[in-house]
PDB file of N, CA and C in Angstrom:
ATOM      1  N   MET A   1      88.816  69.115 104.056  1.00  0.00           N
ATOM      2  CA  MET A   1      89.248  69.639 105.273  1.00  0.00           C
ATOM      3  C   MET A   1      89.196  71.430 104.592  1.00  0.00           C
ATOM      4  N   LYS A   2      88.115  71.953 105.396  1.00  0.00           N
ATOM      5  CA  LYS A   2      87.928  73.564 105.213  1.00  0.00           C
ATOM      6  C   LYS A   2      89.115  74.344 105.886  1.00  0.00           C
ATOM      7  N   VAL A   3      90.008  75.192 105.434  1.00  0.00           N
ATOM      8  CA  VAL A   3      91.084  76.103 105.958  1.00  0.00           C
ATOM      9  C   VAL A   3      90.262  77.238 106.648  1.00  0.00           C
ATOM     10  N   LYS A   4      90.066  77.669 107.463  1.00  0.00           N
ATOM     11  CA  LYS A   4      89.413  78.811 108.240  1.00  0.00           C
ATOM     12  C   LYS A   4      90.240  79.732 108.471  1.00  0.00           C
ATOM     13  N   ALA A   5      90.118  80.798 107.961  1.00  0.00           N
ATOM     14  CA  ALA A   5      90.386  82.226 108.071  1.00  0.00           C
ATOM     15  C   ALA A   5      89.723  83.570 108.877  1.00  0.00           C
ATOM     16  N   GLY A   6      90.248  83.834 110.053  1.00  0.00           N
ATOM     17  CA  GLY A   6      90.034  85.057 110.632  1.00  0.00           C
ATOM     18  C   GLY A   6      87.943  84.808 110.977  1.00  0.00           C
ATOM     19  N   GLY A   7      87.836  83.075 111.121  1.00  0.00           N
ATOM     20  CA  GLY A   7      86.439  83.066 111.396  1.00  0.00           C
ATOM     21  C   GLY A   7      85.524  82.827 110.074  1.00  0.00           C
ATOM     22  N   PHE A   8      86.267  82.997 109.123  1.00  0.00           N
ATOM     23  CA  PHE A   8      85.422  82.604 107.660  1.00  0.00           C
ATOM     24  C   PHE A   8      86.356  81.549 107.146  1.00  0.00           C
ATOM     25  N   SER A   9      85.075  80.569 106.227  1.00  0.00           N
ATOM     26  CA  SER A   9      85.518  79.414 105.546  1.00  0.00           C
ATOM     27  C   SER A   9      86.705  80.175 104.552  1.00  0.00           C
ATOM     28  N   LYS A  10      87.295  79.387 103.973  1.00  0.00           N
ATOM     29  CA  LYS A  10      88.380  79.910 102.489  1.00  0.00           C
ATOM     30  C   LYS A  10      87.357  80.237 101.593  1.00  0.00           C
ATOM     31  N   LYS A  11      86.217  79.879 101.117  1.00  0.00           N
ATOM     32  CA  LYS A  11      85.193  80.381 100.185  1.00  0.00           C
ATOM     33  C   LYS A  11      84.991  81.481 100.466  1.00  0.00           C
ATOM     34  N   MET A  12      84.173  81.749 102.265  1.00  0.00           N
ATOM     35  CA  MET A  12      83.723  83.121 102.258  1.00  0.00           C
ATOM     36  C   MET A  12      85.098  84.256 102.211  1.00  0.00           C
ATOM     37  N   ALA A  13      86.100  83.551 102.738  1.00  0.00           N
ATOM     38  CA  ALA A  13      87.521  84.302 103.040  1.00  0.00           C
ATOM     39  C   ALA A  13      87.303  85.094 101.685  1.00  0.00           C
ATOM     40  N   THR A  14      87.632  84.011 100.160  1.00  0.00           N
ATOM     41  CA  THR A  14      87.987  84.632  99.083  1.00  0.00           C
ATOM     42  C   THR A  14      86.847  85.503  98.753  1.00  0.00           C
ATOM     43  N   LYS A  15      85.568  85.067  98.858  1.00  0.00           N
ATOM     44  CA  LYS A  15      84.618  85.933  98.249  1.00  0.00           C
ATOM     45  C   LYS A  15      84.996  87.538  99.309  1.00  0.00           C
ATOM     46  N   ASN A  16      85.143  87.407 100.084  1.00  0.00           N
ATOM     47  CA  ASN A  16      85.367  88.672 101.273  1.00  0.00           C
ATOM     48  C   ASN A  16      86.302  89.535 100.722  1.00  0.00           C
ATOM     49  N   ILE A  17      87.429  88.888 100.572  1.00  0.00           N
ATOM     50  CA  ILE A  17      88.853  89.976  99.815  1.00  0.00           C
ATOM     51  C   ILE A  17      88.537  90.036  98.500  1.00  0.00           C
ATOM     52  N   GLU A  18      87.474  89.197  97.651  1.00  0.00           N
ATOM     53  CA  GLU A  18      87.474  90.012  95.901  1.00  0.00           C
ATOM     54  C   GLU A  18      86.406  91.209  96.407  1.00  0.00           C
ATOM     55  N   GLU A  19      85.392  91.030  97.143  1.00  0.00           N
ATOM     56  CA  GLU A  19      84.417  92.263  97.428  1.00  0.00           C
ATOM     57  C   GLU A  19      85.596  93.426  97.955  1.00  0.00           C
ATOM     58  N   LEU A  20      85.959  93.175  99.128  1.00  0.00           N
ATOM     59  CA  LEU A  20      86.923  94.574  99.873  1.00  0.00           C
ATOM     60  C   LEU A  20      87.745  95.173  98.376  1.00  0.00           C
ATOM     61  N   ILE A  21      87.917  94.299  97.578  1.00  0.00           N
ATOM     62  CA  ILE A  21      89.391  94.637  96.502  1.00  0.00           C
ATOM     63  C   ILE A  21      88.389  95.575  95.555  1.00  0.00           C
ATOM     64  N   LYS A  22      87.402  94.986  95.176  1.00  0.00           N
ATOM     65  CA  LYS A  22      85.979  95.803  94.045  1.00  0.00           C
ATOM     66  C   LYS A  22      86.248  96.868  94.943  1.00  0.00           C
ATOM     67  N   ASN A  23      85.853  96.993  96.456  1.00  0.00           N
ATOM     68  CA  ASN A  23      85.794  98.591  96.644  1.00  0.00           C
ATOM     69  C   ASN A  23      86.736  99.449  96.937  1.00  0.00           C
ATOM     70  N   LEU A  24      88.024  99.018  96.856  1.00  0.00           N
ATOM     71  CA  LEU A  24      89.052  99.638  96.900  1.00  0.00           C
ATOM     72  C   LEU A  24      89.333 100.206  95.741  1.00  0.00           C
ATOM     73  N   GLU A  25      89.037  99.209  94.494  1.00  0.00           N
ATOM     74  CA  GLU A  25      89.589  99.853  93.069  1.00  0.00           C
ATOM     75  C   GLU A  25      88.200 101.038  92.593  1.00  0.00           C
ATOM     76  N   LYS A  26      87.213 100.341  93.112  1.00  0.00           N
ATOM     77  CA  LYS A  26      86.365 101.555  93.062  1.00  0.00           C
ATOM     78  C   LYS A  26      86.786 103.469  93.647  1.00  0.00           C
ATOM     79  N   ILE A  27      87.311 102.956  94.761  1.00  0.00           N
ATOM     80  CA  ILE A  27      87.340 104.065  95.614  1.00  0.00           C
ATOM     81  C   ILE A  27      88.655 104.669  94.432  1.00  0.00           C
ATOM     82  N   VAL A  28      89.576 103.764  94.305  1.00  0.00           N
ATOM     83  CA  VAL A  28      90.774 104.267  93.615  1.00  0.00           C
ATOM     84  C   VAL A  28      90.622 105.113  92.306  1.00  0.00           C
ATOM     85  N   GLU A  29      89.151 104.508  91.778  1.00  0.00           N
ATOM     86  CA  GLU A  29      88.991 105.411  90.163  1.00  0.00           C
ATOM     87  C   GLU A  29      88.318 106.601  90.216  1.00  0.00           C
ATOM     88  N   MET A  30      87.543 106.766  91.956  1.00  0.00           N
ATOM     89  CA  MET A  30      87.270 108.230  92.181  1.00  0.00           C
ATOM     90  C   MET A  30      88.115 108.839  92.598  1.00  0.00           C
ATOM     91  N   LEU A  31      89.237 108.682  93.025  1.00  0.00           N
ATOM     92  CA  LEU A  31      89.941 109.457  93.435  1.00  0.00           C
ATOM     93  C   LEU A  31      91.121 109.977  92.046  1.00  0.00           C
ATOM     94  N   GLU A  32      90.981 109.148  91.215  1.00  0.00           N
ATOM     95  CA  GLU A  32      91.460 109.236  89.903  1.00  0.00           C
ATOM     96  C   GLU A  32      90.985 110.036  89.080  1.00  0.00           C
ATOM     97  N   GLU A  33      89.598 110.315  89.440  1.00  0.00           N
ATOM     98  CA  GLU A  33      88.800 111.128  88.666  1.00  0.00           C
ATOM     99  C   GLU A  33      88.994 112.624  88.886  1.00  0.00           C
ATOM    100  N   ASN A  34      89.208 112.713  90.162  1.00  0.00           N
ATOM    101  CA  ASN A  34      89.963 114.113  90.650  1.00  0.00           C
ATOM    102  C   ASN A  34      88.328 115.357  90.607  1.00  0.00           C
ATOM    103  N   LYS A  35      87.336 114.485  90.879  1.00  0.00           N
ATOM    104  CA  LYS A  35      86.228 115.270  90.723  1.00  0.00           C
ATOM    105  C   LYS A  35      85.564 115.509  92.227  1.00  0.00           C
ATOM    106  N   LEU A  36      86.344 114.920  93.142  1.00  0.00           N
ATOM    107  CA  LEU A  36      85.560 114.635  94.465  1.00  0.00           C
ATOM    108  C   LEU A  36      85.945 116.104  95.325  1.00  0.00           C
ATOM    109  N   PRO A  37      84.962 116.894  96.003  1.00  0.00           N
ATOM    110  CA  PRO A  37      85.491 117.775  96.850  1.00  0.00           C
ATOM    111  C   PRO A  37      86.609 117.600  97.780  1.00  0.00           C
ATOM    112  N   VAL A  38      87.670 118.038  98.444  1.00  0.00           N
ATOM    113  CA  VAL A  38      88.881 117.600  99.064  1.00  0.00           C
ATOM    114  C   VAL A  38      88.295 117.243 100.412  1.00  0.00           C
ATOM    115  N   GLU A  39      87.383 117.380 100.971  1.00  0.00           N
ATOM    116  CA  GLU A  39      86.502 116.564 102.343  1.00  0.00           C
ATOM    117  C   GLU A  39      86.496 115.306 101.795  1.00  0.00           C
ATOM    118  N   GLU A  40      85.530 115.559 100.786  1.00  0.00           N
ATOM    119  CA  GLU A  40      85.096 113.665 100.584  1.00  0.00           C
ATOM    120  C   GLU A  40      86.141 112.978 100.007  1.00  0.00           C
ATOM    121  N   ALA A  41      87.299 113.284  99.150  1.00  0.00           N
ATOM    122  CA  ALA A  41      88.191 112.752  98.734  1.00  0.00           C
ATOM    123  C   ALA A  41      89.216 111.936 100.013  1.00  0.00           C
ATOM    124  N   MET A  42      89.436 112.873 100.821  1.00  0.00           N
ATOM    125  CA  MET A  42      90.048 112.840 102.121  1.00  0.00           C
ATOM    126  C   MET A  42      89.323 111.255 102.971  1.00  0.00           C
ATOM    127  N   LYS A  43      88.066 111.689 103.181  1.00  0.00           N
ATOM    128  CA  LYS A  43      87.282 110.412 103.483  1.00  0.00           C
ATOM    129  C   LYS A  43      87.476 109.421 102.459  1.00  0.00           C
ATOM    130  N   LYS A  44      87.213 109.275 101.212  1.00  0.00           N
ATOM    131  CA  LYS A  44      87.264 108.063 100.582  1.00  0.00           C
ATOM    132  C   LYS A  44      88.956 107.146 100.618  1.00  0.00           C
ATOM    133  N   PHE A  45      89.876 108.152 100.582  1.00  0.00           N
ATOM    134  CA  PHE A  45      91.345 108.041 101.053  1.00  0.00           C
ATOM    135  C   PHE A  45      91.552 107.118 102.231  1.00  0.00           C
ATOM    136  N   GLU A  46      90.635 107.516 103.380  1.00  0.00           N
ATOM    137  CA  GLU A  46      90.884 106.831 104.511  1.00  0.00           C
ATOM    138  C   GLU A  46      90.382 105.285 104.651  1.00  0.00           C
ATOM    139  N   GLU A  47      88.750 105.602 103.813  1.00  0.00           N
ATOM    140  CA  GLU A  47      88.353 104.250 103.640  1.00  0.00           C
ATOM    141  C   GLU A  47      88.770 103.295 102.869  1.00  0.00           C
ATOM    142  N   GLY A  48      89.937 103.924 101.928  1.00  0.00           N
ATOM    143  CA  GLY A  48      90.767 102.770 101.298  1.00  0.00           C
ATOM    144  C   GLY A  48      91.682 102.158 101.848  1.00  0.00           C
ATOM    145  N   VAL A  49      92.085 102.880 102.869  1.00  0.00           N
ATOM    146  CA  VAL A  49      93.182 102.525 103.645  1.00  0.00           C
ATOM    147  C   VAL A  49      92.978 101.225 104.882  1.00  0.00           C
ATOM    148  N   GLU A  50      91.661 101.708 105.186  1.00  0.00           N
ATOM    149  CA  GLU A  50      91.192 100.684 106.038  1.00  0.00           C
ATOM    150  C   GLU A  50      90.745  99.557 105.342  1.00  0.00           C
ATOM    151  N   ILE A  51      90.159  99.332 104.208  1.00  0.00           N
ATOM    152  CA  ILE A  51      90.082  98.570 103.289  1.00  0.00           C
ATOM    153  C   ILE A  51      91.366  97.449 103.035  1.00  0.00           C
ATOM    154  N   SER A  52      92.240  98.503 102.836  1.00  0.00           N
ATOM    155  CA  SER A  52      93.677  97.731 102.887  1.00  0.00           C
ATOM    156  C   SER A  52      94.109  97.061 104.057  1.00  0.00           C
ATOM    157  N   LYS A  53      93.594  97.566 104.880  1.00  0.00           N
ATOM    158  CA  LYS A  53      94.240  97.182 106.114  1.00  0.00           C
ATOM    159  C   LYS A  53      93.509  95.907 106.184  1.00  0.00           C
ATOM    160  N   GLU A  54      92.311  95.428 106.390  1.00  0.00           N
ATOM    161  CA  GLU A  54      91.526  94.452 106.243  1.00  0.00           C
ATOM    162  C   GLU A  54      91.960  93.629 105.543  1.00  0.00           C
ATOM    163  N   CYS A  55      92.314  93.614 104.241  1.00  0.00           N
ATOM    164  CA  CYS A  55      92.503  93.041 103.158  1.00  0.00           C
ATOM    165  C   CYS A  55      93.811  92.320 103.392  1.00  0.00           C
ATOM    166  N   THR A  56      94.638  92.918 104.007  1.00  0.00           N
ATOM    167  CA  THR A  56      96.247  92.851 104.659  1.00  0.00           C
ATOM    168  C   THR A  56      96.089  91.618 105.965  1.00  0.00           C
ATOM    169  N   SER A  57      95.226  91.717 106.278  1.00  0.00           N
ATOM    170  CA  SER A  57      94.824  91.215 107.827  1.00  0.00           C
ATOM    171  C   SER A  57      94.245  89.693 107.641  1.00  0.00           C
ATOM    172  N   LEU A  58      93.315  89.637 106.593  1.00  0.00           N
ATOM    173  CA  LEU A  58      92.561  88.470 106.152  1.00  0.00           C
ATOM    174  C   LEU A  58      93.642  87.456 105.479  1.00  0.00           C
ATOM    175  N   LEU A  59      94.539  87.990 104.425  1.00  0.00           N
ATOM    176  CA  LEU A  59      95.458  87.370 103.681  1.00  0.00           C
ATOM    177  C   LEU A  59      96.397  86.749 104.807  1.00  0.00           C
ATOM    178  N   ASP A  60      97.100  87.787 105.847  1.00  0.00           N
ATOM    179  CA  ASP A  60      97.945  87.319 106.624  1.00  0.00           C
ATOM    180  C   ASP A  60      97.220  85.996 107.011  1.00  0.00           C
ATOM    181  N   SER A  61      96.212  86.220 107.767  1.00  0.00           N
ATOM    182  CA  SER A  61      95.272  85.092 108.565  1.00  0.00           C
ATOM    183  C   SER A  61      95.098  83.757 107.691  1.00  0.00           C
ATOM    184  N   MET A  62      94.841  83.986 106.078  1.00  0.00           N
ATOM    185  CA  MET A  62      94.608  82.975 105.715  1.00  0.00           C
ATOM    186  C   MET A  62      96.203  81.903 105.631  1.00  0.00           C
ATOM    187  N   GLU A  63      97.456  83.059 105.310  1.00  0.00           N
ATOM    188  CA  GLU A  63      98.284  82.412 104.816  1.00  0.00           C
ATOM    189  C   GLU A  63      99.057  81.475 106.131  1.00  0.00           C
ATOM    190  N   LYS A  64      98.780  81.804 107.638  1.00  0.00           N
ATOM    191  CA  LYS A  64      99.004  81.272 108.582  1.00  0.00           C
ATOM    192  C   LYS A  64      98.218  79.873 108.966  1.00  0.00           C
ATOM    193  N   LYS A  65      97.348  79.967 107.954  1.00  0.00           N
ATOM    194  CA  LYS A  65      96.434  78.491 108.017  1.00  0.00           C
ATOM    195  C   LYS A  65      96.236  77.546 106.984  1.00  0.00           C
ATOM    196  N   MET A  66      97.587  78.204 106.085  1.00  0.00           N
ATOM    197  CA  MET A  66      97.441  77.329 104.611  1.00  0.00           C
ATOM    198  C   MET A  66      97.985  75.997 105.152  1.00  0.00           C
ATOM    199  N   THR A  67      97.416  74.903 104.360  1.00  0.00           N
ATOM    200  CA  THR A  67      97.852  73.636 104.846  1.00  0.00           C
ATOM    201  C   THR A  67      98.733  73.310 103.397  1.00  0.00           C
ATOM    202  N   LEU A  68     100.004  72.543 103.846  1.00  0.00           N
ATOM    203  CA  LEU A  68     100.544  71.838 102.621  1.00  0.00           C
ATOM    204  C   LEU A  68     100.348  70.646 102.701  1.00  0.00           C
ATOM    205  N   LEU A  69     100.419  70.513 101.012  1.00  0.00           N
ATOM    206  CA  LEU A  69     100.300  68.817 100.835  1.00  0.00           C
ATOM    207  C   LEU A  69     101.204  68.299 100.869  1.00  0.00           C
ATOM    208  N   LEU A  70     101.501  67.102 101.556  1.00  0.00           N
ATOM    209  CA  LEU A  70     103.085  66.536 100.966  1.00  0.00           C
ATOM    210  C   LEU A  70     102.191  65.210 100.516  1.00  0.00           C
ATOM    211  N   GLN A  71     104.148  64.626  99.910  1.00  0.00           N
ATOM    212  CA  GLN A  71     103.380  63.281  99.447  1.00  0.00           C
ATOM    213  C   GLN A  71     104.187  62.692 100.356  1.00  0.00           C
ATOM    214  N   LYS A  72     103.559  61.366 101.039  1.00  0.00           N
ATOM    215  CA  LYS A  72     103.858  60.454 102.024  1.00  0.00           C
ATOM    216  C   LYS A  72     103.697  59.071 101.274  1.00  0.00           C
ATOM    217  N   ASN A  73     104.055  58.228 101.212  1.00  0.00           N
ATOM    218  CA  ASN A  73     103.867  56.630 101.168  1.00  0.00           C
ATOM    219  C   ASN A  73     102.829  56.971  99.726  1.00  0.00           C
ATOM    220  N   ASP A  74     103.250  57.750  99.138  1.00  0.00           N
ATOM    221  CA  ASP A  74     102.264  57.758  97.457  1.00  0.00           C
ATOM    222  C   ASP A  74     100.952  58.064  97.662  1.00  0.00           C
ATOM    223  N   LYS A  75     100.749  58.874  99.009  1.00  0.00           N
ATOM    224  CA  LYS A  75      99.309  59.769  99.296  1.00  0.00           C
ATOM    225  C   LYS A  75      99.989  61.008  99.700  1.00  0.00           C
ATOM    226  N   LEU A  76      98.987  61.893  99.208  1.00  0.00           N
ATOM    227  CA  LEU A  76      98.967  63.228  99.828  1.00  0.00           C
ATOM    228  C   LEU A  76      98.292  63.441 101.119  1.00  0.00           C
ATOM    229  N   GLU A  77      98.802  63.937 101.676  1.00  0.00           N
ATOM    230  CA  GLU A  77      98.779  64.335 103.109  1.00  0.00           C
ATOM    231  C   GLU A  77      98.576  65.755 103.742  1.00  0.00           C
ATOM    232  N   GLU A  78      97.235  66.204 104.433  1.00  0.00           N
ATOM    233  CA  GLU A  78      97.038  67.620 104.431  1.00  0.00           C
ATOM    234  C   GLU A  78      98.171  67.629 106.088  1.00  0.00           C
ATOM    235  N   LYS A  79      98.604  69.091 105.954  1.00  0.00           N
ATOM    236  CA  LYS A  79      99.037  69.411 107.438  1.00  0.00           C
ATOM    237  C   LYS A  79      99.302  70.788 107.371  1.00  0.00           C
ATOM    238  N   GLU A  80      98.846  70.867 108.332  1.00  0.00           N
ATOM    239  CA  GLU A  80      98.514  72.650 108.881  1.00  0.00           C
ATOM    240  C   GLU A  80      99.947  73.493 109.232  1.00  0.00           C
ATOM    241  N   PHE A  81     100.154  74.103 107.917  1.00  0.00           N
ATOM    242  CA  PHE A  81     101.264  75.328 107.845  1.00  0.00           C
ATOM    243  C   PHE A  81     101.180  75.721 109.064  1.00  0.00           C
ATOM    244  N   ASP A  82     102.512  76.114 109.616  1.00  0.00           N
ATOM    245  CA  ASP A  82     102.742  77.031 110.800  1.00  0.00           C
ATOM    246  C   ASP A  82     104.047  77.919 110.519  1.00  0.00           C
ATOM    247  N   LEU A  83     103.760  79.122 110.822  1.00  0.00           N
ATOM    248  CA  LEU A  83     104.957  80.281 110.761  1.00  0.00           C
ATOM    249  C   LEU A  83     105.741  79.727 112.237  1.00  0.00           C
ATOM    250  N   PRO A  84     107.003  79.922 111.922  1.00  0.00           N
ATOM    251  CA  PRO A  84     108.056  80.268 112.940  1.00  0.00           C
ATOM    252  C   PRO A  84     107.562  81.519 113.458  1.00  0.00           C
ATOM    253  N   LYS A  85     107.455  81.313 115.127  1.00  0.00           N
ATOM    254  CA  LYS A  85     107.234  82.013 115.628  1.00  0.00           C
ATOM    255  C   LYS A  85     108.266  83.446 116.184  1.00  0.00           C
ATOM    256  N   LYS A  86     108.164  84.565 116.013  1.00  0.00           N
ATOM    257  CA  LYS A  86     109.131  85.393 116.230  1.00  0.00           C
ATOM    258  C   LYS A  86     109.563  85.806 117.487  1.00  0.00           C
TER     259      LYS A  86
END
């Protein structure tokens, strides 16, 4: 059973998250080098914030659709994980 997260398969979502994190790490490195002009640094910071929001959203979506493997009669059964509604 494939778990979908935000319209992506689990594999695609993981790859997407990994790419987003790599991009975020590059931005952090650029900012830490302190060699960018102030305006460009601000743009990179804003881009980093947006990437962070995307990662959070994607992870939240994946968490809501996680499956739990339950032991039932010596068999593993997949059951969709539902978070309590607020």
